[in-house]
């Protein structure tokens, strides 16, 4: 196996050679969960359900908001730009929200 790339500014060119028995030993160390141990994503509770409910409530109460203003509110709600953006994308794809193109930014409308 050959791995090439960069770590920061440093070039990396790494070759790993294993005998068939070593590959087999490596494969035995990987535990694959059985079907009974796997929880389907649809039934697994989402950690951010409280934030999702709060984001929906922000837009519901406002009725409509432009994208940057809504993102600003969501960032304040979550304490993180990345989490705010995830909620904004989730709102964009929600059946409860209609997104229209505004002059400068999209406008999010609560349709319930």
C-alpha atoms as a PDB file:
ATOM      1  CA  UNK A   1       0.000   0.000   0.000  1.00  0.00           C
ATOM      2  CA  UNK A   2       1.358   3.434  -0.889  1.00  0.00           C
ATOM      3  CA  UNK A   3       0.229   6.685   0.720  1.00  0.00           C
ATOM      4  CA  UNK A   4       1.204   9.989  -0.847  1.00  0.00           C
ATOM      5  CA  UNK A   5       0.186  13.514   0.064  1.00  0.00           C
ATOM      6  CA  UNK A   6       1.029  16.357   2.398  1.00  0.00           C
ATOM      7  CA  UNK A   7       0.855  16.988   6.114  1.00  0.00           C
ATOM      8  CA  UNK A   8       0.821  20.754   6.242  1.00  0.00           C
ATOM      9  CA  UNK A   9       3.741  21.830   4.073  1.00  0.00           C
ATOM     10  CA  UNK A  10       5.577  18.522   4.419  1.00  0.00           C
ATOM     11  CA  UNK A  11       5.338  16.010   1.580  1.00  0.00           C
ATOM     12  CA  UNK A  12       4.533  12.420   2.564  1.00  0.00           C
ATOM     13  CA  UNK A  13       5.395   9.330   0.546  1.00  0.00           C
ATOM     14  CA  UNK A  14       4.863   6.199   2.624  1.00  0.00           C
ATOM     15  CA  UNK A  15       4.951   2.589   1.494  1.00  0.00           C
ATOM     16  CA  UNK A  16       3.540  -0.153   3.730  1.00  0.00           C
ATOM     17  CA  UNK A  17       4.328  -3.735   2.866  1.00  0.00           C
ATOM     18  CA  UNK A  18       2.686  -6.613   4.722  1.00  0.00           C
ATOM     19  CA  UNK A  19       2.830 -10.341   4.167  1.00  0.00           C
ATOM     20  CA  UNK A  20      -0.523 -12.125   3.569  1.00  0.00           C
ATOM     21  CA  UNK A  21      -0.469 -13.505   7.117  1.00  0.00           C
ATOM     22  CA  UNK A  22       0.021  -9.989   8.513  1.00  0.00           C
ATOM     23  CA  UNK A  23      -2.967  -8.700   6.487  1.00  0.00           C
ATOM     24  CA  UNK A  24      -5.055 -11.601   7.814  1.00  0.00           C
ATOM     25  CA  UNK A  25      -4.011 -10.811  11.397  1.00  0.00           C
ATOM     26  CA  UNK A  26      -4.927  -7.162  10.872  1.00  0.00           C
ATOM     27  CA  UNK A  27      -8.336  -8.188   9.507  1.00  0.00           C
ATOM     28  CA  UNK A  28      -9.055 -10.360  12.549  1.00  0.00           C
ATOM     29  CA  UNK A  29      -8.548  -7.374  14.854  1.00  0.00           C
ATOM     30  CA  UNK A  30     -11.366  -5.404  13.226  1.00  0.00           C
ATOM     31  CA  UNK A  31     -14.682  -6.102  14.922  1.00  0.00           C
ATOM     32  CA  UNK A  32     -17.686  -5.920  12.622  1.00  0.00           C
ATOM     33  CA  UNK A  33     -21.004  -5.375  14.463  1.00  0.00           C
ATOM     34  CA  UNK A  34     -23.736  -7.926  13.885  1.00  0.00           C
ATOM     35  CA  UNK A  35     -27.052  -6.832  12.399  1.00  0.00           C
ATOM     36  CA  UNK A  36     -28.669  -6.925  15.854  1.00  0.00           C
ATOM     37  CA  UNK A  37     -26.096  -4.459  17.217  1.00  0.00           C
ATOM     38  CA  UNK A  38     -26.603  -1.909  14.435  1.00  0.00           C
ATOM     39  CA  UNK A  39     -29.169   0.797  15.252  1.00  0.00           C
ATOM     40  CA  UNK A  40     -30.801   2.243  12.129  1.00  0.00           C
ATOM     41  CA  UNK A  41     -30.137   5.962  11.716  1.00  0.00           C
ATOM     42  CA  UNK A  42     -33.850   6.713  11.482  1.00  0.00           C
ATOM     43  CA  UNK A  43     -34.522   5.348  14.966  1.00  0.00           C
ATOM     44  CA  UNK A  44     -31.387   6.679  16.658  1.00  0.00           C
ATOM     45  CA  UNK A  45     -32.123   9.870  18.619  1.00  0.00           C
ATOM     46  CA  UNK A  46     -30.372  12.954  17.300  1.00  0.00           C
ATOM     47  CA  UNK A  47     -28.279  14.828  19.804  1.00  0.00           C
ATOM     48  CA  UNK A  48     -29.326  18.204  18.423  1.00  0.00           C
ATOM     49  CA  UNK A  49     -33.111  17.682  18.513  1.00  0.00           C
ATOM     50  CA  UNK A  50     -33.424  20.436  21.110  1.00  0.00           C
ATOM     51  CA  UNK A  51     -31.496  22.826  18.893  1.00  0.00           C
ATOM     52  CA  UNK A  52     -33.561  21.754  15.872  1.00  0.00           C
ATOM     53  CA  UNK A  53     -36.791  22.504  17.750  1.00  0.00           C
ATOM     54  CA  UNK A  54     -35.418  25.871  18.879  1.00  0.00           C
ATOM     55  CA  UNK A  55     -34.318  26.757  15.312  1.00  0.00           C
ATOM     56  CA  UNK A  56     -37.773  25.933  13.968  1.00  0.00           C
ATOM     57  CA  UNK A  57     -39.324  28.050  16.723  1.00  0.00           C
ATOM     58  CA  UNK A  58     -37.108  31.043  15.884  1.00  0.00           C
ATOM     59  CA  UNK A  59     -38.288  31.007  12.261  1.00  0.00           C
ATOM     60  CA  UNK A  60     -41.901  30.209  13.193  1.00  0.00           C
ATOM     61  CA  UNK A  61     -42.104  33.201  15.510  1.00  0.00           C
ATOM     62  CA  UNK A  62     -40.482  35.531  12.983  1.00  0.00           C
ATOM     63  CA  UNK A  63     -42.583  34.270  10.072  1.00  0.00           C
ATOM     64  CA  UNK A  64     -39.748  35.002   7.659  1.00  0.00           C
ATOM     65  CA  UNK A  65     -36.081  35.997   7.868  1.00  0.00           C
ATOM     66  CA  UNK A  66     -33.267  36.567   5.419  1.00  0.00           C
ATOM     67  CA  UNK A  67     -30.453  34.004   5.402  1.00  0.00           C
ATOM     68  CA  UNK A  68     -27.699  36.036   7.094  1.00  0.00           C
ATOM     69  CA  UNK A  69     -30.029  37.218   9.871  1.00  0.00           C
ATOM     70  CA  UNK A  70     -31.306  33.688  10.451  1.00  0.00           C
ATOM     71  CA  UNK A  71     -27.770  32.278  10.446  1.00  0.00           C
ATOM     72  CA  UNK A  72     -26.764  34.902  13.004  1.00  0.00           C
ATOM     73  CA  UNK A  73     -29.651  33.846  15.272  1.00  0.00           C
ATOM     74  CA  UNK A  74     -28.804  30.154  14.831  1.00  0.00           C
ATOM     75  CA  UNK A  75     -25.137  30.765  15.640  1.00  0.00           C
ATOM     76  CA  UNK A  76     -26.233  32.506  18.835  1.00  0.00           C
ATOM     77  CA  UNK A  77     -28.528  29.607  19.627  1.00  0.00           C
ATOM     78  CA  UNK A  78     -25.870  26.930  19.140  1.00  0.00           C
ATOM     79  CA  UNK A  79     -22.738  28.870  20.086  1.00  0.00           C
ATOM     80  CA  UNK A  80     -21.028  27.679  16.912  1.00  0.00           C
ATOM     81  CA  UNK A  81     -20.886  28.840  13.301  1.00  0.00           C
ATOM     82  CA  UNK A  82     -20.681  25.261  12.010  1.00  0.00           C
ATOM     83  CA  UNK A  83     -23.680  24.102  14.051  1.00  0.00           C
ATOM     84  CA  UNK A  84     -25.638  27.186  12.961  1.00  0.00           C
ATOM     85  CA  UNK A  85     -24.913  26.401   9.310  1.00  0.00           C
ATOM     86  CA  UNK A  86     -26.029  22.786   9.779  1.00  0.00           C
ATOM     87  CA  UNK A  87     -29.344  23.977  11.198  1.00  0.00           C
ATOM     88  CA  UNK A  88     -29.723  26.479   8.341  1.00  0.00           C
ATOM     89  CA  UNK A  89     -29.238  23.697   5.780  1.00  0.00           C
ATOM     90  CA  UNK A  90     -31.683  21.518   7.676  1.00  0.00           C
ATOM     91  CA  UNK A  91     -34.250  24.341   7.632  1.00  0.00           C
ATOM     92  CA  UNK A  92     -33.673  24.870   3.900  1.00  0.00           C
ATOM     93  CA  UNK A  93     -34.647  21.249   3.241  1.00  0.00           C
ATOM     94  CA  UNK A  94     -37.520  21.112   5.711  1.00  0.00           C
ATOM     95  CA  UNK A  95     -41.074  20.761   4.381  1.00  0.00           C
ATOM     96  CA  UNK A  96     -42.085  23.405   6.951  1.00  0.00           C
ATOM     97  CA  UNK A  97     -39.906  26.061   5.324  1.00  0.00           C
ATOM     98  CA  UNK A  98     -40.072  27.752   1.939  1.00  0.00           C
ATOM     99  CA  UNK A  99     -36.931  29.478   0.658  1.00  0.00           C
ATOM    100  CA  UNK A 100     -37.168  32.276  -1.889  1.00  0.00           C
ATOM    101  CA  UNK A 101     -34.384  34.137  -3.625  1.00  0.00           C
ATOM    102  CA  UNK A 102     -34.097  37.602  -2.186  1.00  0.00           C
ATOM    103  CA  UNK A 103     -32.284  40.594  -3.669  1.00  0.00           C
ATOM    104  CA  UNK A 104     -29.110  40.014  -1.651  1.00  0.00           C
ATOM    105  CA  UNK A 105     -29.791  36.757   0.201  1.00  0.00           C
ATOM    106  CA  UNK A 106     -32.317  33.933   0.384  1.00  0.00           C
ATOM    107  CA  UNK A 107     -35.431  34.559   2.459  1.00  0.00           C
ATOM    108  CA  UNK A 108     -36.691  31.755   4.695  1.00  0.00           C
ATOM    109  CA  UNK A 109     -40.493  31.619   5.215  1.00  0.00           C
ATOM    110  CA  UNK A 110     -42.238  29.471   7.831  1.00  0.00           C
ATOM    111  CA  UNK A 111     -45.098  27.575   6.181  1.00  0.00           C
ATOM    112  CA  UNK A 112     -45.717  25.125   9.028  1.00  0.00           C
END
